[in-house]
All heavy atoms as atom14 arrays in JSON, in Angstrom:
{
  "sequence": "DSQTGSNPSSLLYFEHPEKEVQNPTIITTPSDEYDDVEDIELEES",
  "atom14_mask": [
    [1, 1, 1, 1, 1, 1, 1, 1, 0, 0, 0, 0, 0, 0],
    [1, 1, 1, 1, 1, 1, 0, 0, 0, 0, 0, 0, 0, 0],
    [1, 1, 1, 1, 1, 1, 1, 1, 1, 0, 0, 0, 0, 0],
    [1, 1, 1, 1, 1, 1, 1, 0, 0, 0, 0, 0, 0, 0],
    [1, 1, 1, 1, 0, 0, 0, 0, 0, 0, 0, 0, 0, 0],
    [1, 1, 1, 1, 1, 1, 0, 0, 0, 0, 0, 0, 0, 0],
    [1, 1, 1, 1, 1, 1, 1, 1, 0, 0, 0, 0, 0, 0],
    [1, 1, 1, 1, 1, 1, 1, 0, 0, 0, 0, 0, 0, 0],
    [1, 1, 1, 1, 1, 1, 0, 0, 0, 0, 0, 0, 0, 0],
    [1, 1, 1, 1, 1, 1, 0, 0, 0, 0, 0, 0, 0, 0],
    [1, 1, 1, 1, 1, 1, 1, 1, 0, 0, 0, 0, 0, 0],
    [1, 1, 1, 1, 1, 1, 1, 1, 0, 0, 0, 0, 0, 0],
    [1, 1, 1, 1, 1, 1, 1, 1, 1, 1, 1, 1, 0, 0],
    [1, 1, 1, 1, 1, 1, 1, 1, 1, 1, 1, 0, 0, 0],
    [1, 1, 1, 1, 1, 1, 1, 1, 1, 0, 0, 0, 0, 0],
    [1, 1, 1, 1, 1, 1, 1, 1, 1, 1, 0, 0, 0, 0],
    [1, 1, 1, 1, 1, 1, 1, 0, 0, 0, 0, 0, 0, 0],
    [1, 1, 1, 1, 1, 1, 1, 1, 1, 0, 0, 0, 0, 0],
    [1, 1, 1, 1, 1, 1, 1, 1, 1, 0, 0, 0, 0, 0],
    [1, 1, 1, 1, 1, 1, 1, 1, 1, 0, 0, 0, 0, 0],
    [1, 1, 1, 1, 1, 1, 1, 0, 0, 0, 0, 0, 0, 0],
    [1, 1, 1, 1, 1, 1, 1, 1, 1, 0, 0, 0, 0, 0],
    [1, 1, 1, 1, 1, 1, 1, 1, 0, 0, 0, 0, 0, 0],
    [1, 1, 1, 1, 1, 1, 1, 0, 0, 0, 0, 0, 0, 0],
    [1, 1, 1, 1, 1, 1, 1, 0, 0, 0, 0, 0, 0, 0],
    [1, 1, 1, 1, 1, 1, 1, 1, 0, 0, 0, 0, 0, 0],
    [1, 1, 1, 1, 1, 1, 1, 1, 0, 0, 0, 0, 0, 0],
    [1, 1, 1, 1, 1, 1, 1, 0, 0, 0, 0, 0, 0, 0],
    [1, 1, 1, 1, 1, 1, 1, 0, 0, 0, 0, 0, 0, 0],
    [1, 1, 1, 1, 1, 1, 1, 0, 0, 0, 0, 0, 0, 0],
    [1, 1, 1, 1, 1, 1, 0, 0, 0, 0, 0, 0, 0, 0],
    [1, 1, 1, 1, 1, 1, 1, 1, 0, 0, 0, 0, 0, 0],
    [1, 1, 1, 1, 1, 1, 1, 1, 1, 0, 0, 0, 0, 0],
    [1, 1, 1, 1, 1, 1, 1, 1, 1, 1, 1, 1, 0, 0],
    [1, 1, 1, 1, 1, 1, 1, 1, 0, 0, 0, 0, 0, 0],
    [1, 1, 1, 1, 1, 1, 1, 1, 0, 0, 0, 0, 0, 0],
    [1, 1, 1, 1, 1, 1, 1, 0, 0, 0, 0, 0, 0, 0],
    [1, 1, 1, 1, 1, 1, 1, 1, 1, 0, 0, 0, 0, 0],
    [1, 1, 1, 1, 1, 1, 1, 1, 0, 0, 0, 0, 0, 0],
    [1, 1, 1, 1, 1, 1, 1, 1, 0, 0, 0, 0, 0, 0],
    [1, 1, 1, 1, 1, 1, 1, 1, 1, 0, 0, 0, 0, 0],
    [1, 1, 1, 1, 1, 1, 1, 1, 0, 0, 0, 0, 0, 0],
    [1, 1, 1, 1, 1, 1, 1, 1, 1, 0, 0, 0, 0, 0],
    [1, 1, 1, 1, 1, 1, 1, 1, 1, 0, 0, 0, 0, 0],
    [1, 1, 1, 1, 1, 1, 0, 0, 0, 0, 0, 0, 0, 0]
  ],
  "atom14_positions": [
    [[84.26, 110.93, 118.25], [84.46, 111.62, 119.48], [85.94, 111.9, 119.8], [86.23, 112.62, 120.73], [83.83, 110.74, 120.67], [82.38, 110.59, 120.51], [81.77, 111.45, 120.01], [81.78, 109.62, 121.03], [0.0, 0.0, 0.0], [0.0, 0.0, 0.0], [0.0, 0.0, 0.0], [0.0, 0.0, 0.0], [0.0, 0.0, 0.0], [0.0, 0.0, 0.0]],
    [[86.85, 111.24, 118.99], [88.2, 111.46, 119.27], [88.78, 112.75, 118.6], [88.2, 113.24, 117.62], [89.03, 110.32, 118.65], [88.85, 110.27, 117.25], [0.0, 0.0, 0.0], [0.0, 0.0, 0.0], [0.0, 0.0, 0.0], [0.0, 0.0, 0.0], [0.0, 0.0, 0.0], [0.0, 0.0, 0.0], [0.0, 0.0, 0.0], [0.0, 0.0, 0.0]],
    [[89.7, 113.4, 119.24], [90.37, 114.64, 118.72], [91.61, 114.3, 118.03], [92.57, 113.77, 118.67], [90.58, 115.63, 119.82], [89.29, 116.01, 120.7], [88.34, 116.76, 119.75], [88.76, 117.52, 118.86], [87.03, 116.61, 119.99], [0.0, 0.0, 0.0], [0.0, 0.0, 0.0], [0.0, 0.0, 0.0], [0.0, 0.0, 0.0], [0.0, 0.0, 0.0]],
    [[91.69, 114.55, 116.71], [92.96, 114.24, 116.01], [93.98, 115.3, 116.15], [95.11, 115.04, 115.93], [92.52, 114.07, 114.56], [92.0, 115.29, 114.08], [91.5, 112.93, 114.27], [0.0, 0.0, 0.0], [0.0, 0.0, 0.0], [0.0, 0.0, 0.0], [0.0, 0.0, 0.0], [0.0, 0.0, 0.0], [0.0, 0.0, 0.0], [0.0, 0.0, 0.0]],
    [[93.53, 116.51, 116.37], [94.46, 117.57, 116.52], [95.09, 118.24, 115.29], [95.95, 118.94, 115.27], [0.0, 0.0, 0.0], [0.0, 0.0, 0.0], [0.0, 0.0, 0.0], [0.0, 0.0, 0.0], [0.0, 0.0, 0.0], [0.0, 0.0, 0.0], [0.0, 0.0, 0.0], [0.0, 0.0, 0.0], [0.0, 0.0, 0.0], [0.0, 0.0, 0.0]],
    [[94.56, 117.79, 114.19], [94.92, 118.32, 112.95], [93.74, 118.52, 111.98], [92.67, 117.88, 112.12], [95.94, 117.46, 112.24], [95.33, 116.2, 111.97], [0.0, 0.0, 0.0], [0.0, 0.0, 0.0], [0.0, 0.0, 0.0], [0.0, 0.0, 0.0], [0.0, 0.0, 0.0], [0.0, 0.0, 0.0], [0.0, 0.0, 0.0], [0.0, 0.0, 0.0]],
    [[93.88, 119.38, 111.02], [92.89, 119.68, 110.11], [93.15, 118.99, 108.76], [94.08, 119.29, 108.21], [92.79, 121.22, 109.86], [91.6, 121.53, 109.0], [90.64, 120.85, 108.82], [91.63, 122.78, 108.43], [0.0, 0.0, 0.0], [0.0, 0.0, 0.0], [0.0, 0.0, 0.0], [0.0, 0.0, 0.0], [0.0, 0.0, 0.0], [0.0, 0.0, 0.0]],
    [[92.26, 117.95, 108.4], [92.55, 117.26, 107.11], [92.51, 118.2, 105.93], [91.86, 119.19, 105.99], [91.4, 116.23, 107.06], [90.82, 116.14, 108.51], [91.13, 117.42, 109.11], [0.0, 0.0, 0.0], [0.0, 0.0, 0.0], [0.0, 0.0, 0.0], [0.0, 0.0, 0.0], [0.0, 0.0, 0.0], [0.0, 0.0, 0.0], [0.0, 0.0, 0.0]],
    [[93.29, 117.91, 104.94], [93.25, 118.71, 103.7], [91.91, 118.68, 103.0], [91.11, 117.74, 103.3], [94.3, 118.11, 102.67], [94.32, 118.83, 101.57], [0.0, 0.0, 0.0], [0.0, 0.0, 0.0], [0.0, 0.0, 0.0], [0.0, 0.0, 0.0], [0.0, 0.0, 0.0], [0.0, 0.0, 0.0], [0.0, 0.0, 0.0], [0.0, 0.0, 0.0]],
    [[91.64, 119.55, 102.15], [90.43, 119.67, 101.48], [90.38, 118.67, 100.25], [89.37, 118.58, 99.7], [90.18, 121.12, 100.9], [91.2, 121.37, 100.1], [0.0, 0.0, 0.0], [0.0, 0.0, 0.0], [0.0, 0.0, 0.0], [0.0, 0.0, 0.0], [0.0, 0.0, 0.0], [0.0, 0.0, 0.0], [0.0, 0.0, 0.0], [0.0, 0.0, 0.0]],
    [[91.5, 117.98, 99.91], [91.58, 117.09, 98.77], [91.42, 115.68, 99.26], [92.23, 115.21, 100.13], [92.77, 117.23, 98.02], [92.87, 116.35, 96.76], [91.9, 116.74, 95.78], [94.36, 116.46, 96.16], [0.0, 0.0, 0.0], [0.0, 0.0, 0.0], [0.0, 0.0, 0.0], [0.0, 0.0, 0.0], [0.0, 0.0, 0.0], [0.0, 0.0, 0.0]],
    [[90.39, 114.94, 98.79], [90.14, 113.6, 99.18], [89.76, 112.74, 97.97], [88.96, 113.09, 97.23], [89.0, 113.56, 100.24], [88.42, 112.16, 100.59], [89.59, 111.43, 101.39], [87.27, 112.31, 101.48], [0.0, 0.0, 0.0], [0.0, 0.0, 0.0], [0.0, 0.0, 0.0], [0.0, 0.0, 0.0], [0.0, 0.0, 0.0], [0.0, 0.0, 0.0]],
    [[90.5, 111.61, 97.76], [90.12, 110.75, 96.8], [90.48, 109.24, 97.21], [91.32, 109.06, 98.08], [90.61, 111.08, 95.4], [92.15, 110.9, 95.3], [92.73, 109.71, 94.8], [93.04, 111.95, 95.69], [94.13, 109.61, 94.75], [94.38, 111.77, 95.64], [94.85, 110.65, 95.02], [96.19, 110.52, 94.94], [0.0, 0.0, 0.0], [0.0, 0.0, 0.0]],
    [[89.83, 108.28, 96.68], [90.11, 106.94, 96.93], [91.2, 106.42, 95.97], [91.03, 106.45, 94.77], [88.87, 106.02, 96.89], [87.87, 106.47, 97.81], [86.83, 107.23, 97.59], [87.93, 106.05, 99.2], [85.85, 107.61, 98.52], [87.03, 106.39, 100.14], [86.01, 107.2, 99.75], [0.0, 0.0, 0.0], [0.0, 0.0, 0.0], [0.0, 0.0, 0.0]],
    [[92.25, 105.81, 96.59], [93.21, 105.22, 95.75], [93.0, 103.7, 95.51], [92.4, 103.03, 96.37], [94.67, 105.36, 96.4], [95.11, 106.81, 96.55], [96.51, 106.88, 97.12], [96.86, 105.96, 97.83], [97.14, 107.87, 96.85], [0.0, 0.0, 0.0], [0.0, 0.0, 0.0], [0.0, 0.0, 0.0], [0.0, 0.0, 0.0], [0.0, 0.0, 0.0]],
    [[93.31, 103.26, 94.36], [93.27, 101.81, 94.04], [94.56, 101.37, 93.42], [95.1, 102.03, 92.55], [92.12, 101.52, 92.97], [91.76, 100.1, 92.92], [92.51, 99.17, 92.23], [90.62, 99.47, 93.51], [91.89, 98.01, 92.46], [90.83, 98.16, 93.08], [0.0, 0.0, 0.0], [0.0, 0.0, 0.0], [0.0, 0.0, 0.0], [0.0, 0.0, 0.0]],
    [[95.23, 100.27, 93.94], [96.53, 99.94, 93.46], [96.64, 99.53, 92.04], [97.7, 99.39, 91.54], [96.94, 98.72, 94.36], [95.48, 98.26, 94.89], [94.61, 99.34, 94.96], [0.0, 0.0, 0.0], [0.0, 0.0, 0.0], [0.0, 0.0, 0.0], [0.0, 0.0, 0.0], [0.0, 0.0, 0.0], [0.0, 0.0, 0.0], [0.0, 0.0, 0.0]],
    [[95.5, 99.19, 91.43], [95.57, 98.66, 90.04], [94.99, 99.63, 88.97], [95.22, 99.36, 87.84], [94.78, 97.3, 89.96], [95.37, 96.29, 90.84], [94.58, 94.99, 90.76], [93.54, 95.0, 90.14], [95.05, 94.06, 91.43], [0.0, 0.0, 0.0], [0.0, 0.0, 0.0], [0.0, 0.0, 0.0], [0.0, 0.0, 0.0], [0.0, 0.0, 0.0]],
    [[94.22, 100.61, 89.41], [93.48, 101.48, 88.41], [93.98, 102.92, 88.61], [94.41, 103.37, 89.57], [91.97, 101.43, 88.67], [91.44, 100.05, 88.4], [89.93, 100.14, 88.57], [89.31, 98.87, 88.28], [87.88, 98.84, 88.34], [0.0, 0.0, 0.0], [0.0, 0.0, 0.0], [0.0, 0.0, 0.0], [0.0, 0.0, 0.0], [0.0, 0.0, 0.0]],
    [[93.9, 103.63, 87.51], [94.3, 105.03, 87.44], [93.2, 105.9, 88.04], [91.96, 105.54, 87.74], [94.69, 105.4, 86.13], [95.83, 104.77, 85.51], [96.13, 105.15, 84.1], [95.35, 105.97, 83.53], [97.09, 104.65, 83.58], [0.0, 0.0, 0.0], [0.0, 0.0, 0.0], [0.0, 0.0, 0.0], [0.0, 0.0, 0.0], [0.0, 0.0, 0.0]],
    [[93.49, 106.97, 88.74], [92.59, 107.84, 89.22], [92.27, 108.97, 88.24], [93.27, 109.69, 87.86], [92.98, 108.47, 90.6], [91.84, 109.48, 91.06], [93.04, 107.36, 91.62], [0.0, 0.0, 0.0], [0.0, 0.0, 0.0], [0.0, 0.0, 0.0], [0.0, 0.0, 0.0], [0.0, 0.0, 0.0], [0.0, 0.0, 0.0], [0.0, 0.0, 0.0]],
    [[91.08, 109.09, 87.65], [90.78, 110.16, 86.7], [90.07, 111.32, 87.16], [90.11, 112.36, 86.7], [90.08, 109.45, 85.45], [90.93, 108.42, 84.83], [90.19, 107.83, 83.63], [89.07, 108.33, 83.27], [90.84, 106.88, 83.04], [0.0, 0.0, 0.0], [0.0, 0.0, 0.0], [0.0, 0.0, 0.0], [0.0, 0.0, 0.0], [0.0, 0.0, 0.0]],
    [[89.16, 111.06, 88.13], [88.28, 112.11, 88.61], [88.31, 112.22, 90.18], [87.37, 111.86, 90.84], [86.88, 111.9, 88.18], [86.81, 112.03, 86.74], [87.0, 113.07, 86.12], [86.25, 111.03, 86.0], [0.0, 0.0, 0.0], [0.0, 0.0, 0.0], [0.0, 0.0, 0.0], [0.0, 0.0, 0.0], [0.0, 0.0, 0.0], [0.0, 0.0, 0.0]],
    [[89.42, 112.71, 90.79], [89.4, 112.95, 92.23], [88.46, 114.13, 92.46], [88.28, 114.91, 91.66], [90.86, 113.3, 92.67], [91.44, 113.76, 91.33], [90.78, 112.96, 90.26], [0.0, 0.0, 0.0], [0.0, 0.0, 0.0], [0.0, 0.0, 0.0], [0.0, 0.0, 0.0], [0.0, 0.0, 0.0], [0.0, 0.0, 0.0], [0.0, 0.0, 0.0]],
    [[87.89, 114.18, 93.68], [86.92, 115.19, 93.97], [87.39, 116.08, 95.0], [87.94, 115.68, 96.03], [85.56, 114.55, 94.47], [85.12, 113.61, 93.45], [84.5, 115.6, 94.69], [0.0, 0.0, 0.0], [0.0, 0.0, 0.0], [0.0, 0.0, 0.0], [0.0, 0.0, 0.0], [0.0, 0.0, 0.0], [0.0, 0.0, 0.0], [0.0, 0.0, 0.0]],
    [[87.31, 117.45, 94.75], [87.67, 118.44, 95.81], [86.46, 118.56, 96.8], [85.38, 118.89, 96.43], [87.86, 119.8, 95.13], [89.07, 119.64, 94.13], [88.25, 120.79, 96.16], [90.4, 119.27, 94.65], [0.0, 0.0, 0.0], [0.0, 0.0, 0.0], [0.0, 0.0, 0.0], [0.0, 0.0, 0.0], [0.0, 0.0, 0.0], [0.0, 0.0, 0.0]],
    [[86.79, 118.32, 98.05], [85.81, 118.45, 99.15], [86.32, 119.41, 100.07], [87.28, 119.25, 100.72], [85.6, 117.1, 99.81], [85.14, 116.04, 98.81], [84.54, 117.28, 100.93], [84.85, 114.73, 99.36], [0.0, 0.0, 0.0], [0.0, 0.0, 0.0], [0.0, 0.0, 0.0], [0.0, 0.0, 0.0], [0.0, 0.0, 0.0], [0.0, 0.0, 0.0]],
    [[85.7, 120.57, 100.17], [86.13, 121.61, 101.04], [85.85, 121.42, 102.51], [84.91, 120.74, 102.85], [85.47, 122.93, 100.49], [84.07, 122.78, 100.87], [85.76, 123.32, 99.11], [0.0, 0.0, 0.0], [0.0, 0.0, 0.0], [0.0, 0.0, 0.0], [0.0, 0.0, 0.0], [0.0, 0.0, 0.0], [0.0, 0.0, 0.0], [0.0, 0.0, 0.0]],
    [[86.76, 122.02, 103.33], [86.54, 121.84, 104.7], [85.63, 123.06, 105.23], [85.26, 123.9, 104.49], [88.01, 122.11, 105.48], [88.43, 123.4, 105.02], [88.93, 120.98, 104.96], [0.0, 0.0, 0.0], [0.0, 0.0, 0.0], [0.0, 0.0, 0.0], [0.0, 0.0, 0.0], [0.0, 0.0, 0.0], [0.0, 0.0, 0.0], [0.0, 0.0, 0.0]],
    [[85.14, 122.98, 106.48], [84.21, 123.96, 106.98], [84.72, 125.32, 106.9], [84.01, 126.32, 106.81], [83.93, 123.51, 108.46], [84.25, 122.04, 108.5], [85.38, 121.82, 107.5], [0.0, 0.0, 0.0], [0.0, 0.0, 0.0], [0.0, 0.0, 0.0], [0.0, 0.0, 0.0], [0.0, 0.0, 0.0], [0.0, 0.0, 0.0], [0.0, 0.0, 0.0]],
    [[86.08, 125.58, 107.04], [86.64, 126.88, 106.91], [86.46, 127.55, 105.56], [86.73, 128.75, 105.4], [88.14, 126.88, 107.29], [88.89, 125.96, 106.38], [0.0, 0.0, 0.0], [0.0, 0.0, 0.0], [0.0, 0.0, 0.0], [0.0, 0.0, 0.0], [0.0, 0.0, 0.0], [0.0, 0.0, 0.0], [0.0, 0.0, 0.0], [0.0, 0.0, 0.0]],
    [[86.29, 126.78, 104.56], [86.04, 127.34, 103.18], [84.73, 127.99, 102.99], [84.54, 128.61, 101.89], [86.22, 126.15, 102.15], [87.62, 125.61, 102.2], [88.55, 126.37, 102.6], [87.81, 124.51, 101.71], [0.0, 0.0, 0.0], [0.0, 0.0, 0.0], [0.0, 0.0, 0.0], [0.0, 0.0, 0.0], [0.0, 0.0, 0.0], [0.0, 0.0, 0.0]],
    [[83.85, 127.93, 103.87], [82.55, 128.61, 103.83], [81.71, 128.43, 102.63], [81.68, 129.24, 101.72], [82.75, 130.05, 104.09], [83.36, 130.34, 105.46], [83.7, 131.89, 105.66], [83.28, 132.6, 104.75], [84.07, 132.19, 106.8], [0.0, 0.0, 0.0], [0.0, 0.0, 0.0], [0.0, 0.0, 0.0], [0.0, 0.0, 0.0], [0.0, 0.0, 0.0]],
    [[81.25, 127.22, 102.32], [80.38, 126.89, 101.27], [80.88, 127.06, 99.97], [80.26, 127.42, 98.99], [79.05, 127.79, 101.4], [78.36, 127.8, 102.64], [78.61, 128.8, 103.57], [77.69, 126.74, 103.12], [77.9, 128.81, 104.82], [77.05, 126.66, 104.34], [77.17, 127.74, 105.22], [76.65, 127.68, 106.4], [0.0, 0.0, 0.0], [0.0, 0.0, 0.0]],
    [[82.14, 126.74, 99.83], [82.7, 126.72, 98.36], [82.19, 125.59, 97.61], [81.8, 124.57, 98.11], [84.35, 126.54, 98.51], [84.92, 127.75, 99.11], [84.52, 128.91, 98.81], [85.96, 127.56, 99.92], [0.0, 0.0, 0.0], [0.0, 0.0, 0.0], [0.0, 0.0, 0.0], [0.0, 0.0, 0.0], [0.0, 0.0, 0.0], [0.0, 0.0, 0.0]],
    [[82.09, 125.77, 96.31], [81.53, 124.76, 95.42], [82.45, 123.61, 95.3], [83.68, 123.68, 95.46], [81.24, 125.46, 94.0], [80.23, 126.46, 94.06], [79.22, 126.36, 94.98], [80.19, 127.35, 93.2], [0.0, 0.0, 0.0], [0.0, 0.0, 0.0], [0.0, 0.0, 0.0], [0.0, 0.0, 0.0], [0.0, 0.0, 0.0], [0.0, 0.0, 0.0]],
    [[81.89, 122.46, 94.89], [82.64, 121.3, 94.78], [82.74, 121.04, 93.19], [81.8, 121.16, 92.55], [81.93, 120.09, 95.31], [82.73, 118.72, 95.07], [81.83, 120.15, 96.87], [0.0, 0.0, 0.0], [0.0, 0.0, 0.0], [0.0, 0.0, 0.0], [0.0, 0.0, 0.0], [0.0, 0.0, 0.0], [0.0, 0.0, 0.0], [0.0, 0.0, 0.0]],
    [[83.99, 120.8, 92.77], [84.32, 120.71, 91.36], [85.18, 119.4, 91.05], [86.08, 119.09, 91.9], [85.05, 121.86, 90.8], [85.28, 121.96, 89.4], [85.87, 123.24, 88.92], [85.87, 124.21, 89.69], [86.44, 123.33, 87.87], [0.0, 0.0, 0.0], [0.0, 0.0, 0.0], [0.0, 0.0, 0.0], [0.0, 0.0, 0.0], [0.0, 0.0, 0.0]],
    [[84.9, 118.74, 90.01], [85.77, 117.59, 89.62], [86.94, 118.19, 88.7], [86.72, 118.95, 87.74], [84.95, 116.59, 88.85], [83.92, 115.92, 89.72], [84.15, 115.96, 90.89], [82.98, 115.35, 89.2], [0.0, 0.0, 0.0], [0.0, 0.0, 0.0], [0.0, 0.0, 0.0], [0.0, 0.0, 0.0], [0.0, 0.0, 0.0], [0.0, 0.0, 0.0]],
    [[88.12, 117.71, 89.02], [89.29, 118.02, 88.21], [89.92, 116.8, 87.63], [90.21, 115.92, 88.44], [90.3, 118.8, 89.03], [89.59, 120.08, 89.6], [91.57, 119.19, 88.28], [90.45, 121.04, 90.43], [0.0, 0.0, 0.0], [0.0, 0.0, 0.0], [0.0, 0.0, 0.0], [0.0, 0.0, 0.0], [0.0, 0.0, 0.0], [0.0, 0.0, 0.0]],
    [[90.21, 116.8, 86.33], [90.74, 115.59, 85.74], [92.29, 115.62, 85.79], [92.97, 116.62, 85.7], [90.29, 115.58, 84.24], [88.87, 115.4, 84.17], [88.39, 115.22, 82.63], [89.36, 115.31, 81.79], [87.3, 115.15, 82.37], [0.0, 0.0, 0.0], [0.0, 0.0, 0.0], [0.0, 0.0, 0.0], [0.0, 0.0, 0.0], [0.0, 0.0, 0.0]],
    [[92.82, 114.41, 86.19], [94.29, 114.24, 86.16], [94.71, 113.63, 84.84], [93.76, 113.13, 84.08], [94.72, 113.3, 87.34], [94.45, 113.78, 88.85], [94.78, 112.77, 89.66], [95.29, 115.1, 88.98], [0.0, 0.0, 0.0], [0.0, 0.0, 0.0], [0.0, 0.0, 0.0], [0.0, 0.0, 0.0], [0.0, 0.0, 0.0], [0.0, 0.0, 0.0]],
    [[95.96, 113.68, 84.54], [96.42, 113.03, 83.38], [96.23, 111.49, 83.45], [96.5, 110.91, 84.51], [98.01, 113.39, 83.22], [98.25, 114.75, 83.01], [99.67, 115.02, 82.83], [100.46, 114.01, 82.91], [100.13, 116.26, 82.72], [0.0, 0.0, 0.0], [0.0, 0.0, 0.0], [0.0, 0.0, 0.0], [0.0, 0.0, 0.0], [0.0, 0.0, 0.0]],
    [[95.71, 110.9, 82.37], [95.4, 109.47, 82.51], [96.62, 108.64, 82.69], [96.48, 107.5, 83.11], [94.62, 109.1, 81.2], [93.25, 109.85, 81.03], [92.59, 109.29, 79.86], [93.14, 108.5, 79.1], [91.42, 109.84, 79.59], [0.0, 0.0, 0.0], [0.0, 0.0, 0.0], [0.0, 0.0, 0.0], [0.0, 0.0, 0.0], [0.0, 0.0, 0.0]],
    [[97.79, 109.23, 82.22], [98.96, 108.23, 82.21], [99.57, 108.24, 83.61], [100.51, 107.56, 83.84], [100.01, 108.93, 81.23], [100.35, 110.17, 81.55], [0.0, 0.0, 0.0], [0.0, 0.0, 0.0], [0.0, 0.0, 0.0], [0.0, 0.0, 0.0], [0.0, 0.0, 0.0], [0.0, 0.0, 0.0], [0.0, 0.0, 0.0], [0.0, 0.0, 0.0]]
  ]
}
């Protein structure tokens, strides 16, 4: 119910202090109008 006053970015992933992130997920905002969701691999290092 609260109004944040900002529009979060379309990129969302969970960070872990000990593990590398290999598959962050692109999640589009409502303004993207039904864009597909795709997994993009980062460099493992």
